[in-house]
Amino acid sequence: MIGNGSHLDDGTFEFGYWLGKPYWKQGYATEAARRLVAFAFDDMKADYVWAGWFHDNPRSGNVLAKLGVKSTAELVRYALRQHLVR
């Protein structure tokens, strides 16, 4: 698992995660995301936590739904993924 958490200047906390295919469907992403969110609110005193997922990977969105994350916006962001710039 590769994770990322950033404490931003405006009091928000952003996180993301990438998991190798052999480890899918084992709860690792959900467990790690749950701990990142708790850390952001409890230890970093974040006012707001946000994360996103690729729309062609709804399982990643399901990880966030399990945590009670509510969608507040849909943004287009560019990322390097599978050697393609999007």
N, C-alpha and C. Protein backbone atom coordinates (compact mmCIF):
# COMPACT_ATOMS: atom_id res chain seq x y z
N MET A 1 0.84 -1.17 0.00
CA MET A 1 0.00 0.00 0.00
C MET A 1 0.88 1.23 0.00
N ILE A 2 0.52 2.15 -0.84
CA ILE A 2 1.18 3.44 -0.85
C ILE A 2 0.13 4.46 -0.46
N GLY A 3 0.40 5.25 0.53
CA GLY A 3 -0.55 6.25 0.98
C GLY A 3 0.06 7.64 0.92
N ASN A 4 -0.81 8.60 1.02
CA ASN A 4 -0.38 9.99 0.95
C ASN A 4 -1.31 10.81 1.80
N GLY A 5 -0.75 11.63 2.63
CA GLY A 5 -1.55 12.57 3.41
C GLY A 5 -0.88 13.92 3.40
N SER A 6 -1.66 14.94 3.20
CA SER A 6 -1.11 16.30 3.15
C SER A 6 -1.93 17.22 4.04
N HIS A 7 -1.26 17.93 4.92
CA HIS A 7 -1.92 18.94 5.73
C HIS A 7 -1.77 20.25 4.99
N LEU A 8 -2.88 20.80 4.57
CA LEU A 8 -2.85 22.01 3.75
C LEU A 8 -2.96 23.26 4.61
N ASP A 9 -2.51 24.38 4.09
CA ASP A 9 -2.48 25.64 4.83
C ASP A 9 -3.85 26.12 5.29
N ASP A 10 -4.90 25.70 4.60
CA ASP A 10 -6.23 26.18 4.96
C ASP A 10 -6.93 25.33 6.02
N GLY A 11 -6.18 24.43 6.68
CA GLY A 11 -6.76 23.62 7.75
C GLY A 11 -7.41 22.34 7.26
N THR A 12 -7.27 22.03 5.99
CA THR A 12 -7.83 20.79 5.47
C THR A 12 -6.73 19.74 5.36
N PHE A 13 -7.14 18.53 5.16
CA PHE A 13 -6.23 17.39 5.06
C PHE A 13 -6.68 16.57 3.86
N GLU A 14 -5.76 16.29 2.95
CA GLU A 14 -6.07 15.49 1.78
C GLU A 14 -5.33 14.16 1.88
N PHE A 15 -5.97 13.08 1.49
CA PHE A 15 -5.25 11.81 1.46
C PHE A 15 -5.63 11.01 0.23
N GLY A 16 -4.76 10.08 -0.12
CA GLY A 16 -4.98 9.18 -1.23
C GLY A 16 -4.31 7.86 -0.94
N TYR A 17 -4.60 6.87 -1.76
CA TYR A 17 -4.05 5.54 -1.54
C TYR A 17 -3.99 4.79 -2.86
N TRP A 18 -3.02 3.92 -2.95
CA TRP A 18 -2.84 3.04 -4.09
C TRP A 18 -2.48 1.67 -3.53
N LEU A 19 -3.11 0.65 -4.04
CA LEU A 19 -2.93 -0.69 -3.52
C LEU A 19 -2.68 -1.65 -4.67
N GLY A 20 -1.67 -2.51 -4.55
CA GLY A 20 -1.38 -3.50 -5.58
C GLY A 20 -2.53 -4.48 -5.73
N LYS A 21 -2.79 -4.87 -6.95
CA LYS A 21 -3.93 -5.73 -7.26
C LYS A 21 -3.99 -7.02 -6.42
N PRO A 22 -2.85 -7.65 -6.09
CA PRO A 22 -2.93 -8.87 -5.28
C PRO A 22 -3.53 -8.64 -3.88
N TYR A 23 -3.63 -7.38 -3.45
CA TYR A 23 -4.12 -7.07 -2.11
C TYR A 23 -5.52 -6.48 -2.10
N TRP A 24 -6.16 -6.41 -3.27
CA TRP A 24 -7.53 -5.90 -3.34
C TRP A 24 -8.47 -6.83 -2.61
N LYS A 25 -9.60 -6.29 -2.16
CA LYS A 25 -10.71 -7.03 -1.53
C LYS A 25 -10.31 -7.69 -0.20
N GLN A 26 -9.33 -7.11 0.48
CA GLN A 26 -8.92 -7.66 1.77
C GLN A 26 -9.11 -6.65 2.91
N GLY A 27 -9.64 -5.48 2.60
CA GLY A 27 -9.92 -4.48 3.62
C GLY A 27 -8.75 -3.58 3.98
N TYR A 28 -7.61 -3.75 3.32
CA TYR A 28 -6.44 -2.94 3.67
C TYR A 28 -6.66 -1.46 3.41
N ALA A 29 -7.23 -1.13 2.26
CA ALA A 29 -7.43 0.28 1.92
C ALA A 29 -8.41 0.92 2.89
N THR A 30 -9.48 0.21 3.23
CA THR A 30 -10.48 0.75 4.17
C THR A 30 -9.85 0.98 5.54
N GLU A 31 -9.09 0.01 6.01
CA GLU A 31 -8.46 0.15 7.33
C GLU A 31 -7.47 1.32 7.35
N ALA A 32 -6.65 1.41 6.32
CA ALA A 32 -5.66 2.49 6.27
C ALA A 32 -6.34 3.85 6.15
N ALA A 33 -7.36 3.93 5.30
CA ALA A 33 -8.07 5.21 5.13
C ALA A 33 -8.75 5.61 6.43
N ARG A 34 -9.35 4.66 7.12
CA ARG A 34 -10.00 4.96 8.40
C ARG A 34 -8.99 5.55 9.40
N ARG A 35 -7.81 4.98 9.43
CA ARG A 35 -6.77 5.48 10.35
C ARG A 35 -6.25 6.85 9.93
N LEU A 36 -6.12 7.07 8.62
CA LEU A 36 -5.68 8.38 8.14
C LEU A 36 -6.69 9.47 8.50
N VAL A 37 -7.97 9.16 8.34
CA VAL A 37 -9.01 10.14 8.68
C VAL A 37 -9.00 10.44 10.17
N ALA A 38 -8.90 9.40 10.99
CA ALA A 38 -8.83 9.60 12.45
C ALA A 38 -7.62 10.45 12.82
N PHE A 39 -6.48 10.16 12.20
CA PHE A 39 -5.26 10.93 12.47
C PHE A 39 -5.46 12.39 12.09
N ALA A 40 -6.05 12.62 10.93
CA ALA A 40 -6.25 14.00 10.46
C ALA A 40 -7.11 14.79 11.44
N PHE A 41 -8.23 14.21 11.87
CA PHE A 41 -9.13 14.93 12.78
C PHE A 41 -8.60 14.97 14.21
N ASP A 42 -8.15 13.84 14.71
CA ASP A 42 -7.77 13.75 16.13
C ASP A 42 -6.40 14.35 16.44
N ASP A 43 -5.42 14.05 15.59
CA ASP A 43 -4.05 14.49 15.88
C ASP A 43 -3.67 15.79 15.17
N MET A 44 -4.08 15.91 13.92
CA MET A 44 -3.72 17.10 13.15
C MET A 44 -4.75 18.22 13.32
N LYS A 45 -5.87 17.91 13.96
CA LYS A 45 -6.94 18.90 14.20
C LYS A 45 -7.44 19.53 12.90
N ALA A 46 -7.52 18.71 11.85
CA ALA A 46 -8.01 19.19 10.56
C ALA A 46 -9.47 19.60 10.68
N ASP A 47 -9.83 20.66 10.00
CA ASP A 47 -11.22 21.11 9.95
C ASP A 47 -12.02 20.31 8.93
N TYR A 48 -11.31 19.79 7.93
CA TYR A 48 -11.97 19.18 6.80
C TYR A 48 -11.01 18.17 6.19
N VAL A 49 -11.52 17.02 5.79
CA VAL A 49 -10.70 16.00 5.14
C VAL A 49 -11.30 15.70 3.78
N TRP A 50 -10.47 15.64 2.76
CA TRP A 50 -11.01 15.31 1.45
C TRP A 50 -10.11 14.32 0.73
N ALA A 51 -10.74 13.57 -0.16
CA ALA A 51 -10.05 12.57 -0.97
C ALA A 51 -10.83 12.41 -2.26
N GLY A 52 -10.22 11.82 -3.23
CA GLY A 52 -10.89 11.58 -4.50
C GLY A 52 -10.54 10.20 -5.01
N TRP A 53 -11.19 9.83 -6.09
CA TRP A 53 -10.89 8.54 -6.71
C TRP A 53 -11.13 8.66 -8.21
N PHE A 54 -10.54 7.75 -8.94
CA PHE A 54 -10.75 7.70 -10.38
C PHE A 54 -12.12 7.08 -10.63
N HIS A 55 -12.90 7.70 -11.47
CA HIS A 55 -14.26 7.23 -11.71
C HIS A 55 -14.32 5.87 -12.37
N ASP A 56 -13.24 5.46 -13.00
CA ASP A 56 -13.22 4.11 -13.58
C ASP A 56 -12.82 3.05 -12.55
N ASN A 57 -12.71 3.47 -11.29
CA ASN A 57 -12.40 2.54 -10.20
C ASN A 57 -13.39 2.77 -9.06
N PRO A 58 -14.65 2.33 -9.23
CA PRO A 58 -15.66 2.59 -8.21
C PRO A 58 -15.37 1.93 -6.86
N ARG A 59 -14.56 0.90 -6.85
CA ARG A 59 -14.22 0.26 -5.56
C ARG A 59 -13.46 1.22 -4.65
N SER A 60 -12.66 2.07 -5.25
CA SER A 60 -11.96 3.08 -4.46
C SER A 60 -12.96 4.05 -3.85
N GLY A 61 -13.99 4.42 -4.62
CA GLY A 61 -15.06 5.25 -4.07
C GLY A 61 -15.81 4.53 -2.96
N ASN A 62 -15.94 3.21 -3.07
CA ASN A 62 -16.60 2.43 -2.01
C ASN A 62 -15.83 2.48 -0.70
N VAL A 63 -14.50 2.53 -0.79
CA VAL A 63 -13.69 2.66 0.43
C VAL A 63 -14.10 3.92 1.17
N LEU A 64 -14.23 5.02 0.45
CA LEU A 64 -14.60 6.29 1.09
C LEU A 64 -16.04 6.24 1.60
N ALA A 65 -16.93 5.60 0.88
CA ALA A 65 -18.33 5.49 1.32
C ALA A 65 -18.42 4.73 2.64
N LYS A 66 -17.59 3.70 2.81
CA LYS A 66 -17.58 2.93 4.06
C LYS A 66 -17.20 3.80 5.26
N LEU A 67 -16.46 4.87 4.99
CA LEU A 67 -16.04 5.78 6.06
C LEU A 67 -17.06 6.88 6.31
N GLY A 68 -18.13 6.89 5.52
CA GLY A 68 -19.14 7.92 5.68
C GLY A 68 -18.85 9.20 4.93
N VAL A 69 -17.91 9.15 4.00
CA VAL A 69 -17.56 10.33 3.22
C VAL A 69 -18.72 10.72 2.32
N LYS A 70 -19.02 11.99 2.30
CA LYS A 70 -20.08 12.53 1.45
C LYS A 70 -19.45 13.35 0.33
N SER A 71 -19.97 13.17 -0.87
CA SER A 71 -19.47 13.93 -2.01
C SER A 71 -19.95 15.37 -1.90
N THR A 72 -19.01 16.29 -2.05
CA THR A 72 -19.36 17.71 -2.01
C THR A 72 -19.09 18.41 -3.33
N ALA A 73 -18.30 17.77 -4.20
CA ALA A 73 -17.96 18.37 -5.48
C ALA A 73 -17.38 17.32 -6.39
N GLU A 74 -17.43 17.61 -7.66
CA GLU A 74 -16.75 16.77 -8.64
C GLU A 74 -15.74 17.64 -9.34
N LEU A 75 -14.48 17.25 -9.24
CA LEU A 75 -13.40 18.04 -9.80
C LEU A 75 -12.65 17.25 -10.85
N VAL A 76 -12.12 17.95 -11.80
CA VAL A 76 -11.22 17.33 -12.77
C VAL A 76 -9.81 17.69 -12.33
N ARG A 77 -9.02 16.65 -12.09
CA ARG A 77 -7.63 16.86 -11.71
C ARG A 77 -6.78 15.98 -12.61
N TYR A 78 -5.58 16.38 -12.83
CA TYR A 78 -4.69 15.64 -13.70
C TYR A 78 -3.71 14.83 -12.87
N ALA A 79 -3.48 13.59 -13.30
CA ALA A 79 -2.58 12.71 -12.57
C ALA A 79 -1.88 11.79 -13.55
N LEU A 80 -0.72 11.33 -13.16
CA LEU A 80 -0.02 10.32 -13.93
C LEU A 80 -0.48 8.97 -13.40
N ARG A 81 -1.11 8.20 -14.28
CA ARG A 81 -1.64 6.91 -13.87
C ARG A 81 -1.47 5.93 -15.02
N GLN A 82 -0.93 4.79 -14.73
CA GLN A 82 -0.71 3.75 -15.72
C GLN A 82 0.00 4.33 -16.94
N HIS A 83 0.95 5.20 -16.67
CA HIS A 83 1.80 5.81 -17.68
C HIS A 83 1.03 6.70 -18.66
N LEU A 84 -0.15 7.13 -18.28
CA LEU A 84 -0.95 8.03 -19.11
C LEU A 84 -1.19 9.31 -18.34
N VAL A 85 -1.09 10.41 -18.98
CA VAL A 85 -1.42 11.68 -18.34
C VAL A 85 -2.89 11.94 -18.60
N ARG A 86 -3.65 12.18 -17.53
CA ARG A 86 -5.08 12.45 -17.64
C ARG A 86 -5.39 13.79 -17.05
